[in-house]
């Protein structure tokens, strides 16, 4: 995923998350750092036995949870160096994750200094006016 994020940030071309996974899934959820087990389960829409302690305990990581047929099939801790995912969590995506049909993502480089930057990942096509407003607010925090 980090390569797809970097390429998107450099070229301005979006990418599909489903194109960088080698397994089938029907929903993907981005869990922010420090999320409680209750928040994780609420986001997933079902009880996940491994939710307790699953969310990273550092601002430098997010948890990407892939679901198929109502079960978690893969949970990956994602480092911010491979792309900041904060504009993909439930504060922006209020529709309980993304489906493969709506997983078109884009990335934009955020310059922290002349020598330091990271890539911010966000939905290339927000769904609905509310999500578009939330995304604008999120991007406004960085640009």
Foldseek 3Di string as FASTA:
>chain_A
DLVQQVVLQVPVAWDFPVVVDDDDFFFKAKAAAPDAQVRVCVLLVHHDPPSHVLHHNDRQWIWIFTHHPSYTDDIDIDGCQSEREPQQHCLQVVPSGDGSVQRTKGWHWFDPDPPDITIHIHRPDADDDSSVVSSVVVVVVGD
